[in-house]
Amino acid sequence: MQTASVAARRCVIWFGEPSAGERDALARSGWSVRSNHAKDGELRVRDGDIAVAMADLRDSDEAALDAMGDLMAVHPDLIWLALVSSRTAAQTPRVARILQASIDFFTAPVDLGRLIETLGRITGGTSRAPGGDLEGIVGRSATMQGALSRLRKFAPVDLPVLITGETGTGKEGAAKALHQLSVRGAKPFVAINCGALPVNLVQTELFGHERGAFTGANARRIGHIERAAGGTVFLDEIGDLPLDAQTSLLRFLQEGTIERLGSSQCIRADARVVAATHVDLEQAVAAGRFRQDLYYRLNVLRLAMPPLREREDDVELLAQHFLDRFREHHACRARGFSAGARAAMRCFSWPGNVRELINRVQRAAVVAEDALIGPADLDLRTPGAGTGATAALGAARVAAEREAIMTCLRESRFNISECARRLRISRVTVYRLCKKHRLALDELR
């Protein structure tokens, strides 16, 4: 009798139609199922229930979506799981909201053992602590651990992911981690910066072209999506993608096929799409710069990368990590950071986020005269320090920085890519430093 009583209180509110095997497995584990397809099913949470909602999106209809929305409104604290298939996509904001509210995801056919283990874990009040750092992602702050927790949940679910966040927050690192933790981890990871592609070459870069498709097309070219066969294609700055390429990308997401430029033959392509943007795509949709249907397709799972100013506990940890990595490839005196430098880093707002921190640490490692990097080496002010001393040290740092970038340019024979590789900074940063120090590259060459 006691077992029956407990079983009656442990229920899965299933929106959709569970299979007989799914029902039987849950029943054997003490879980009853209430389905909106059952004739006598009441989709509500009763007093004393230990309830979990399952959003079965394999073949959900409008009535089921309406019922899910109603339950979310009445019980905002209810725990949600989602059951998806390879065809599931966020066609409407309601589906996107359900996916984002779900704490775990299951793909068809359902791993019933993992489903039952998950139900027991989340209703038993136990939780797993976040794991250690993922490759390329360092952080111990609560904000970052929350993002990493969602990343680990999204990784095994073979659906598109939209990564949002300010410039420099580590969106590409998150995309690589999603790929590495997925079933596609052993296959290619192909990254494309949509904002850097010439407008007239976007289609051929993404989807390829046939020989003779245009003047100069002397051979067939395989596009990036096709090259990522079985793996992941990362579309950075997706908001900059031209509208005609958006249409082709939408067809790929809907049908799994592409057409090379100059061909009318559809080609099957198997690649998971992870996209990133620092712009507000909702505003871009409202302004007509981004297709609404493509936005819904991409915004299935959404991962927000926090800005560095919200990760105060991580700044010193990250700075030492980047310094250690720099020292692996370059001889420098710097081994750590002074107390003043650490205080300055904690007080700085970091408008350029992690990317700015990397650049400042690497420049400081080049110009620092001591084993400990000081605030002036980082071009930061010590909190409460006098402006005169800071200005003098800052001027010395600027001179040293100019000499360092000039030396590297000479050694690399003014090859910007080679100079950026040696300094472990981006080509854009090299150009910015040249402009800052009034180095006329054409004349110097």
Protein backbone atom coordinates (compact mmCIF):
# COMPACT_ATOMS: atom_id res chain seq x y z
CA MET A 1 0.00 0.00 0.00
CA GLN A 2 2.84 2.36 0.82
CA THR A 3 4.44 1.79 -2.58
CA ALA A 4 1.16 2.49 -4.36
CA SER A 5 0.74 5.71 -2.39
CA VAL A 6 4.22 6.91 -3.30
CA ALA A 7 3.70 5.95 -6.93
CA ALA A 8 0.47 7.96 -7.06
CA ARG A 9 2.36 11.06 -5.96
CA ARG A 10 5.23 10.62 -8.44
CA CYS A 11 3.93 11.64 -11.85
CA VAL A 12 5.18 12.74 -15.25
CA ILE A 13 2.84 15.24 -16.89
CA TRP A 14 3.42 14.22 -20.50
CA PHE A 15 2.43 16.62 -23.28
CA GLY A 16 2.16 14.33 -26.27
CA GLU A 17 1.77 10.58 -26.68
CA PRO A 18 4.27 8.37 -24.81
CA SER A 19 4.86 4.94 -26.32
CA ALA A 20 3.74 1.80 -24.53
CA GLY A 21 7.37 1.01 -23.72
CA GLU A 22 7.90 4.46 -22.23
CA ARG A 23 4.78 4.14 -20.09
CA ASP A 24 5.72 0.66 -18.90
CA ALA A 25 9.29 1.67 -17.98
CA LEU A 26 8.05 4.64 -15.98
CA ALA A 27 5.36 2.57 -14.26
CA ARG A 28 7.90 -0.09 -13.23
CA SER A 29 9.99 2.69 -11.64
CA GLY A 30 7.04 4.08 -9.67
CA TRP A 31 6.06 6.93 -12.00
CA SER A 32 2.53 7.44 -13.23
CA VAL A 33 1.93 9.28 -16.50
CA ARG A 34 -0.72 11.89 -17.20
CA SER A 35 -1.02 12.62 -20.89
CA ASN A 36 -3.05 15.26 -22.67
CA HIS A 37 -4.01 12.53 -25.17
CA ALA A 38 -5.61 10.36 -22.49
CA LYS A 39 -9.41 10.58 -22.38
CA ASP A 40 -9.49 11.02 -18.63
CA GLY A 41 -6.21 12.88 -18.30
CA GLU A 42 -6.18 15.98 -16.13
CA LEU A 43 -3.10 18.07 -16.84
CA ARG A 44 -2.70 19.72 -13.50
CA VAL A 45 -0.47 19.44 -10.45
CA ARG A 46 -2.34 18.19 -7.40
CA ASP A 47 -1.52 18.81 -3.76
CA GLY A 48 1.29 16.51 -2.63
CA ASP A 49 2.39 15.65 -6.18
CA ILE A 50 6.03 15.05 -7.01
CA ALA A 51 5.62 16.15 -10.60
CA VAL A 52 7.83 16.70 -13.64
CA ALA A 53 6.60 18.01 -16.99
CA MET A 54 7.74 16.32 -20.21
CA ALA A 55 7.45 18.41 -23.37
CA ASP A 56 7.25 15.80 -26.12
CA LEU A 57 8.15 17.87 -29.19
CA ARG A 58 8.51 14.95 -31.59
CA ASP A 59 5.07 15.65 -33.02
CA SER A 60 3.53 18.39 -30.90
CA ASP A 61 0.35 20.13 -32.04
CA GLU A 62 -1.09 23.55 -31.26
CA ALA A 63 -3.35 22.21 -28.52
CA ALA A 64 -0.38 20.64 -26.72
CA LEU A 65 1.63 23.87 -27.01
CA ASP A 66 -1.33 25.82 -25.59
CA ALA A 67 -1.60 23.38 -22.69
CA MET A 68 2.13 23.65 -21.97
CA GLY A 69 1.93 27.42 -21.89
CA ASP A 70 -1.02 27.30 -19.52
CA LEU A 71 0.79 24.97 -17.10
CA MET A 72 3.92 27.15 -17.19
CA ALA A 73 1.83 30.17 -16.26
CA VAL A 74 0.06 28.41 -13.37
CA HIS A 75 3.16 26.58 -12.05
CA PRO A 76 6.25 28.66 -12.97
CA ASP A 77 8.48 26.55 -10.68
CA LEU A 78 7.61 23.20 -12.27
CA ILE A 79 10.62 21.26 -13.58
CA TRP A 80 10.54 20.66 -17.34
CA LEU A 81 12.24 18.08 -19.55
CA ALA A 82 12.10 18.04 -23.34
CA LEU A 83 11.92 15.16 -25.80
CA VAL A 84 13.08 16.15 -29.28
CA SER A 85 13.89 14.64 -32.65
CA SER A 86 16.20 15.72 -35.45
CA ARG A 87 13.24 17.57 -37.02
CA THR A 88 12.45 19.61 -33.92
CA ALA A 89 13.00 23.32 -34.42
CA ALA A 90 11.75 26.48 -32.76
CA GLN A 91 9.10 27.41 -35.30
CA THR A 92 7.41 29.78 -32.85
CA PRO A 93 8.46 31.69 -29.75
CA ARG A 94 6.40 29.23 -27.69
CA VAL A 95 8.56 26.27 -28.71
CA ALA A 96 11.73 28.29 -28.07
CA ARG A 97 10.46 29.20 -24.61
CA ILE A 98 9.73 25.56 -23.76
CA LEU A 99 13.19 24.44 -24.88
CA GLN A 100 14.87 27.18 -22.91
CA ALA A 101 12.88 26.32 -19.78
CA SER A 102 13.86 22.63 -19.94
CA ILE A 103 16.70 21.53 -17.67
CA ASP A 104 17.52 18.40 -19.69
CA PHE A 105 16.86 16.99 -23.15
CA PHE A 106 16.25 13.54 -24.58
CA THR A 107 16.37 12.45 -28.19
CA ALA A 108 14.34 9.72 -29.85
CA PRO A 109 14.64 6.81 -29.27
CA VAL A 110 14.57 7.70 -25.59
CA ASP A 111 17.30 6.33 -23.32
CA LEU A 112 14.83 5.13 -20.68
CA GLY A 113 17.54 4.35 -18.14
CA ARG A 114 18.86 7.91 -18.28
CA LEU A 115 15.32 9.33 -18.18
CA ILE A 116 14.47 7.43 -15.00
CA GLU A 117 17.82 8.30 -13.42
CA THR A 118 17.24 11.97 -14.24
CA LEU A 119 13.73 11.92 -12.77
CA GLY A 120 15.04 10.40 -9.56
CA ARG A 121 17.90 12.86 -9.31
CA ILE A 122 15.92 16.05 -9.83
CA THR A 123 12.99 15.06 -7.62
CA GLY A 124 15.19 13.61 -4.91
CA GLY A 125 16.76 17.01 -4.35
CA THR A 126 20.25 15.98 -5.37
CA SER A 127 22.32 17.91 -7.79
CA ARG A 128 25.66 17.46 -9.44
CA ALA A 129 28.26 20.14 -8.96
CA PRO A 130 29.53 21.69 -12.16
CA GLY A 131 32.59 19.96 -13.54
CA GLY A 132 35.97 21.47 -14.12
CA ASP A 133 36.99 23.85 -16.87
CA LEU A 134 36.30 22.84 -20.42
CA GLU A 135 39.09 23.17 -22.94
CA GLY A 136 39.46 26.83 -23.83
CA ILE A 137 37.02 28.01 -21.14
CA VAL A 138 38.29 29.06 -17.72
CA GLY A 139 36.05 30.29 -14.93
CA ARG A 140 35.00 29.61 -11.36
CA SER A 141 32.45 32.40 -10.85
CA ALA A 142 28.82 31.47 -10.26
CA THR A 143 27.80 33.29 -13.45
CA MET A 144 30.23 31.32 -15.59
CA GLN A 145 29.43 28.01 -13.94
CA GLY A 146 25.77 28.60 -14.76
CA ALA A 147 26.66 29.09 -18.43
CA LEU A 148 28.85 25.98 -18.40
CA SER A 149 26.04 23.95 -16.87
CA ARG A 150 23.70 24.90 -19.72
CA LEU A 151 26.47 24.24 -22.25
CA ARG A 152 26.88 20.68 -20.96
CA LYS A 153 23.11 20.11 -21.22
CA PHE A 154 22.96 21.42 -24.79
CA ALA A 155 26.03 19.58 -26.11
CA PRO A 156 24.54 16.06 -26.53
CA VAL A 157 21.28 17.36 -28.06
CA ASP A 158 21.77 17.41 -31.83
CA LEU A 159 19.90 20.68 -32.42
CA PRO A 160 21.02 24.18 -33.44
CA VAL A 161 22.42 26.42 -30.71
CA LEU A 162 22.44 30.22 -30.72
CA ILE A 163 25.22 31.71 -28.60
CA THR A 164 24.71 35.34 -27.58
CA GLY A 165 26.97 37.76 -25.79
CA GLU A 166 29.06 40.88 -26.19
CA THR A 167 32.14 40.94 -28.39
CA GLY A 168 35.05 39.16 -26.75
CA THR A 169 33.08 37.03 -24.28
CA GLY A 170 34.34 33.71 -25.68
CA LYS A 171 31.52 32.62 -27.98
CA GLU A 172 33.81 30.63 -30.29
CA GLY A 173 35.35 28.83 -27.31
CA ALA A 174 31.85 27.87 -26.19
CA ALA A 175 31.03 26.62 -29.69
CA LYS A 176 34.16 24.42 -29.69
CA ALA A 177 33.21 23.02 -26.29
CA LEU A 178 29.69 22.22 -27.53
CA HIS A 179 31.26 20.33 -30.43
CA GLN A 180 33.81 18.48 -28.31
CA LEU A 181 31.15 17.27 -25.85
CA SER A 182 28.72 16.17 -28.57
CA VAL A 183 28.51 12.88 -30.44
CA ARG A 184 30.10 14.78 -33.35
CA GLY A 185 33.26 15.55 -31.37
CA ALA A 186 35.53 13.33 -33.50
CA LYS A 187 34.34 14.99 -36.73
CA PRO A 188 35.37 18.41 -38.16
CA PHE A 189 34.67 21.72 -36.45
CA VAL A 190 34.49 24.43 -39.11
CA ALA A 191 34.34 28.07 -37.97
CA ILE A 192 33.19 30.86 -40.29
CA ASN A 193 33.07 34.57 -39.51
CA CYS A 194 30.06 35.71 -41.51
CA GLY A 195 30.99 39.36 -41.02
CA ALA A 196 34.40 38.86 -42.65
CA LEU A 197 33.12 37.17 -45.82
CA PRO A 198 33.02 39.35 -48.97
CA VAL A 199 29.38 39.79 -49.96
CA ASN A 200 29.93 38.38 -53.45
CA LEU A 201 31.59 35.23 -52.07
CA VAL A 202 29.27 34.34 -49.20
CA GLN A 203 27.29 31.73 -51.14
CA THR A 204 30.35 29.94 -52.52
CA GLU A 205 32.16 30.02 -49.16
CA LEU A 206 29.22 28.46 -47.33
CA PHE A 207 27.75 26.16 -49.97
CA GLY A 208 30.50 25.75 -52.59
CA HIS A 209 30.38 26.13 -56.36
CA GLU A 210 30.71 24.07 -59.52
CA ARG A 211 33.33 24.57 -62.18
CA GLY A 212 32.30 27.37 -64.50
CA ALA A 213 29.74 28.80 -62.07
CA PHE A 214 31.31 32.24 -62.55
CA THR A 215 34.38 33.84 -64.10
CA GLY A 216 37.45 32.37 -62.47
CA ALA A 217 35.70 29.24 -61.14
CA ASN A 218 38.15 26.82 -62.77
CA ALA A 219 37.36 23.89 -60.47
CA ARG A 220 34.65 22.63 -58.17
CA ARG A 221 34.86 24.03 -54.63
CA ILE A 222 33.43 22.34 -51.54
CA GLY A 223 31.74 24.84 -49.20
CA HIS A 224 32.31 25.07 -45.46
CA ILE A 225 29.01 23.38 -44.57
CA GLU A 226 29.74 20.40 -46.78
CA ARG A 227 33.32 20.28 -45.45
CA ALA A 228 32.01 19.92 -41.90
CA ALA A 229 30.52 16.53 -42.84
CA GLY A 230 29.34 14.77 -39.69
CA GLY A 231 30.65 17.58 -37.50
CA THR A 232 29.75 21.12 -36.52
CA VAL A 233 29.72 24.35 -38.50
CA PHE A 234 30.10 27.49 -36.38
CA LEU A 235 28.61 30.63 -37.93
CA ASP A 236 30.05 33.57 -36.03
CA GLU A 237 28.40 37.00 -36.39
CA ILE A 238 25.37 35.37 -38.01
CA GLY A 239 23.59 38.73 -37.93
CA ASP A 240 25.88 39.95 -40.74
CA LEU A 241 24.81 37.19 -43.16
CA PRO A 242 23.22 38.63 -46.35
CA LEU A 243 19.54 37.87 -46.91
CA ASP A 244 20.09 35.61 -49.94
CA ALA A 245 22.51 33.45 -47.95
CA GLN A 246 20.00 33.40 -45.09
CA THR A 247 17.48 31.79 -47.45
CA SER A 248 19.96 29.05 -48.44
CA LEU A 249 20.87 28.44 -44.80
CA LEU A 250 17.20 28.16 -43.87
CA ARG A 251 16.70 25.50 -46.55
CA PHE A 252 19.66 23.55 -45.17
CA LEU A 253 18.24 23.68 -41.63
CA GLN A 254 14.78 22.62 -42.81
CA GLU A 255 15.69 19.95 -45.35
CA GLY A 256 19.31 19.02 -44.66
CA THR A 257 20.27 19.81 -48.26
CA ILE A 258 22.40 22.41 -50.02
CA GLU A 259 22.98 23.48 -53.62
CA ARG A 260 26.41 24.46 -54.86
CA LEU A 261 26.50 27.69 -56.85
CA GLY A 262 26.07 26.87 -60.52
CA SER A 263 24.20 23.62 -59.85
CA SER A 264 20.52 22.74 -59.46
CA GLN A 265 21.27 19.41 -57.77
CA CYS A 266 20.41 19.08 -54.08
CA ILE A 267 23.17 17.53 -51.98
CA ARG A 268 22.59 15.96 -48.58
CA ALA A 269 24.75 17.63 -45.94
CA ASP A 270 25.10 16.51 -42.33
CA ALA A 271 26.36 19.21 -39.98
CA ARG A 272 25.14 20.67 -36.72
CA VAL A 273 24.79 24.45 -36.84
CA VAL A 274 26.01 26.55 -33.94
CA ALA A 275 25.59 30.29 -34.52
CA ALA A 276 26.78 33.29 -32.55
CA THR A 277 25.92 36.97 -32.48
CA HIS A 278 26.68 40.06 -30.45
CA VAL A 279 23.77 41.99 -31.98
CA ASP A 280 20.12 41.78 -30.99
CA LEU A 281 18.62 39.47 -33.62
CA GLU A 282 15.09 40.30 -32.47
CA GLN A 283 15.73 43.93 -33.43
CA ALA A 284 17.34 42.80 -36.71
CA VAL A 285 14.19 40.78 -37.48
CA ALA A 286 11.99 43.79 -36.70
CA ALA A 287 14.15 45.96 -38.98
CA GLY A 288 13.95 43.45 -41.83
CA ARG A 289 17.66 42.65 -41.78
CA PHE A 290 17.22 39.07 -40.59
CA ARG A 291 14.65 36.46 -41.59
CA GLN A 292 12.20 35.67 -38.81
CA ASP A 293 11.84 32.00 -39.84
CA LEU A 294 15.63 31.57 -39.80
CA TYR A 295 15.81 33.19 -36.37
CA TYR A 296 13.30 30.66 -35.01
CA ARG A 297 15.28 27.81 -36.58
CA LEU A 298 18.54 28.97 -35.02
CA ASN A 299 17.10 29.95 -31.65
CA VAL A 300 16.26 26.39 -30.58
CA LEU A 301 18.75 26.27 -27.72
CA ARG A 302 20.13 29.60 -26.51
CA LEU A 303 23.37 30.00 -24.61
CA ALA A 304 24.24 33.43 -23.18
CA MET A 305 27.94 34.09 -22.50
CA PRO A 306 28.34 36.55 -19.60
CA PRO A 307 30.49 39.70 -19.93
CA LEU A 308 33.73 39.82 -17.94
CA ARG A 309 32.43 42.58 -15.67
CA GLU A 310 29.90 40.05 -14.33
CA ARG A 311 32.70 37.54 -13.69
CA GLU A 312 34.74 39.52 -11.16
CA ASP A 313 35.97 36.39 -9.40
CA ASP A 314 37.45 35.11 -12.69
CA VAL A 315 39.57 38.10 -13.78
CA GLU A 316 42.73 37.23 -11.85
CA LEU A 317 42.39 33.53 -12.66
CA LEU A 318 42.04 34.30 -16.37
CA ALA A 319 44.92 36.78 -16.38
CA GLN A 320 47.33 34.24 -14.88
CA HIS A 321 46.09 31.57 -17.28
CA PHE A 322 46.74 33.77 -20.32
CA LEU A 323 50.15 34.81 -19.00
CA ASP A 324 51.15 31.17 -18.49
CA ARG A 325 50.06 30.31 -22.02
CA PHE A 326 52.01 33.26 -23.44
CA ARG A 327 55.17 32.19 -21.60
CA GLU A 328 54.96 28.72 -23.17
CA HIS A 329 55.83 30.27 -26.55
CA HIS A 330 57.69 33.49 -25.71
CA ALA A 331 60.59 34.33 -23.44
CA CYS A 332 59.63 37.08 -21.00
CA ARG A 333 60.49 38.18 -17.48
CA ALA A 334 56.92 38.33 -16.20
CA ARG A 335 55.79 35.47 -14.00
CA GLY A 336 52.76 36.93 -12.26
CA PHE A 337 50.92 40.11 -11.24
CA SER A 338 51.59 42.58 -8.48
CA ALA A 339 49.00 43.39 -5.83
CA GLY A 340 48.41 46.73 -7.53
CA ALA A 341 47.85 45.05 -10.89
CA ARG A 342 45.36 42.61 -9.37
CA ALA A 343 43.46 45.44 -7.70
CA ALA A 344 43.43 47.42 -10.95
CA MET A 345 42.10 44.44 -12.90
CA ARG A 346 39.32 43.90 -10.38
CA CYS A 347 38.24 47.54 -10.60
CA PHE A 348 38.35 47.81 -14.41
CA SER A 349 35.07 47.41 -16.36
CA TRP A 350 36.62 45.45 -19.29
CA PRO A 351 34.52 46.80 -22.18
CA GLY A 352 36.35 44.42 -24.53
CA ASN A 353 35.72 41.45 -22.21
CA VAL A 354 38.02 38.40 -22.27
CA ARG A 355 39.55 39.37 -25.60
CA GLU A 356 40.68 42.70 -24.17
CA LEU A 357 42.12 40.95 -21.11
CA ILE A 358 44.14 38.62 -23.37
CA ASN A 359 45.53 41.53 -25.36
CA ARG A 360 46.46 43.57 -22.27
CA VAL A 361 48.15 40.60 -20.58
CA GLN A 362 50.16 39.73 -23.68
CA ARG A 363 51.29 43.32 -24.23
CA ALA A 364 52.16 43.59 -20.54
CA ALA A 365 54.24 40.41 -20.75
CA VAL A 366 56.23 41.96 -23.61
CA VAL A 367 56.91 45.32 -21.94
CA ALA A 368 57.21 44.33 -18.24
CA GLU A 369 60.70 44.86 -16.79
CA ASP A 370 60.07 42.87 -13.60
CA ALA A 371 58.86 39.40 -12.65
CA LEU A 372 55.55 40.88 -11.53
CA ILE A 373 53.40 42.79 -14.02
CA GLY A 374 52.28 46.16 -12.65
CA PRO A 375 49.21 48.29 -13.39
CA ALA A 376 51.14 50.50 -15.80
CA ASP A 377 52.23 47.46 -17.83
CA LEU A 378 48.54 46.66 -18.25
CA ASP A 379 47.77 50.31 -19.03
CA LEU A 380 45.52 50.39 -15.98
CA ARG A 381 45.47 52.81 -13.06
CA THR A 382 46.07 51.62 -9.52
CA PRO A 383 42.92 52.40 -7.50
CA GLY A 384 43.65 55.57 -5.50
CA ALA A 385 47.10 56.13 -7.06
CA GLY A 386 48.35 59.60 -7.94
CA THR A 387 47.83 60.66 -11.52
CA GLY A 388 51.37 61.98 -12.01
CA ALA A 389 53.15 58.68 -11.35
CA THR A 390 50.58 56.77 -13.35
CA ALA A 391 50.97 59.09 -16.33
CA ALA A 392 54.75 58.75 -16.31
CA LEU A 393 54.60 54.97 -16.14
CA GLY A 394 51.92 54.91 -18.81
CA ALA A 395 54.09 56.94 -21.18
CA ALA A 396 56.97 54.49 -20.68
CA ARG A 397 54.64 51.59 -21.37
CA VAL A 398 53.36 53.19 -24.60
CA ALA A 399 56.93 53.65 -25.85
CA ALA A 400 57.81 50.05 -25.01
CA GLU A 401 54.64 48.81 -26.69
CA ARG A 402 55.49 50.71 -29.88
CA GLU A 403 58.98 49.25 -29.92
CA ALA A 404 57.67 45.71 -29.33
CA ILE A 405 55.16 45.84 -32.19
CA MET A 406 57.75 47.46 -34.48
CA THR A 407 60.33 44.76 -33.69
CA CYS A 408 57.87 41.98 -34.39
CA LEU A 409 56.81 43.58 -37.69
CA ARG A 410 60.43 43.77 -38.82
CA GLU A 411 61.14 40.17 -37.80
CA SER A 412 58.06 38.95 -39.67
CA ARG A 413 58.95 41.12 -42.72
CA PHE A 414 55.77 43.13 -42.18
CA ASN A 415 53.56 40.09 -42.73
CA ILE A 416 50.53 40.98 -40.60
CA SER A 417 49.32 37.40 -40.19
CA GLU A 418 52.77 36.22 -39.09
CA CYS A 419 53.13 39.12 -36.68
CA ALA A 420 49.72 38.38 -35.16
CA ARG A 421 50.66 34.71 -34.80
CA ARG A 422 53.92 35.52 -33.02
CA LEU A 423 52.28 37.94 -30.61
CA ARG A 424 49.23 35.65 -30.23
CA ILE A 425 46.82 38.47 -31.00
CA SER A 426 44.36 39.00 -33.85
CA ARG A 427 45.22 40.66 -37.16
CA VAL A 428 42.66 43.34 -36.31
CA THR A 429 44.61 44.11 -33.12
CA VAL A 430 47.87 44.41 -35.09
CA TYR A 431 46.26 46.96 -37.42
CA ARG A 432 44.79 48.81 -34.43
CA LEU A 433 48.18 49.00 -32.70
CA CYS A 434 49.80 50.26 -35.90
CA LYS A 435 47.18 52.97 -36.15
CA LYS A 436 47.57 53.82 -32.46
CA HIS A 437 51.36 54.25 -32.79
CA ARG A 438 51.14 55.89 -36.22
CA LEU A 439 53.07 53.14 -37.99
CA ALA A 440 52.51 53.56 -41.73
CA LEU A 441 52.80 49.98 -42.98
CA ASP A 442 53.07 50.85 -46.68
CA GLU A 443 55.97 53.21 -46.04
CA LEU A 444 57.72 50.84 -43.63
CA ARG A 445 57.51 47.99 -46.13
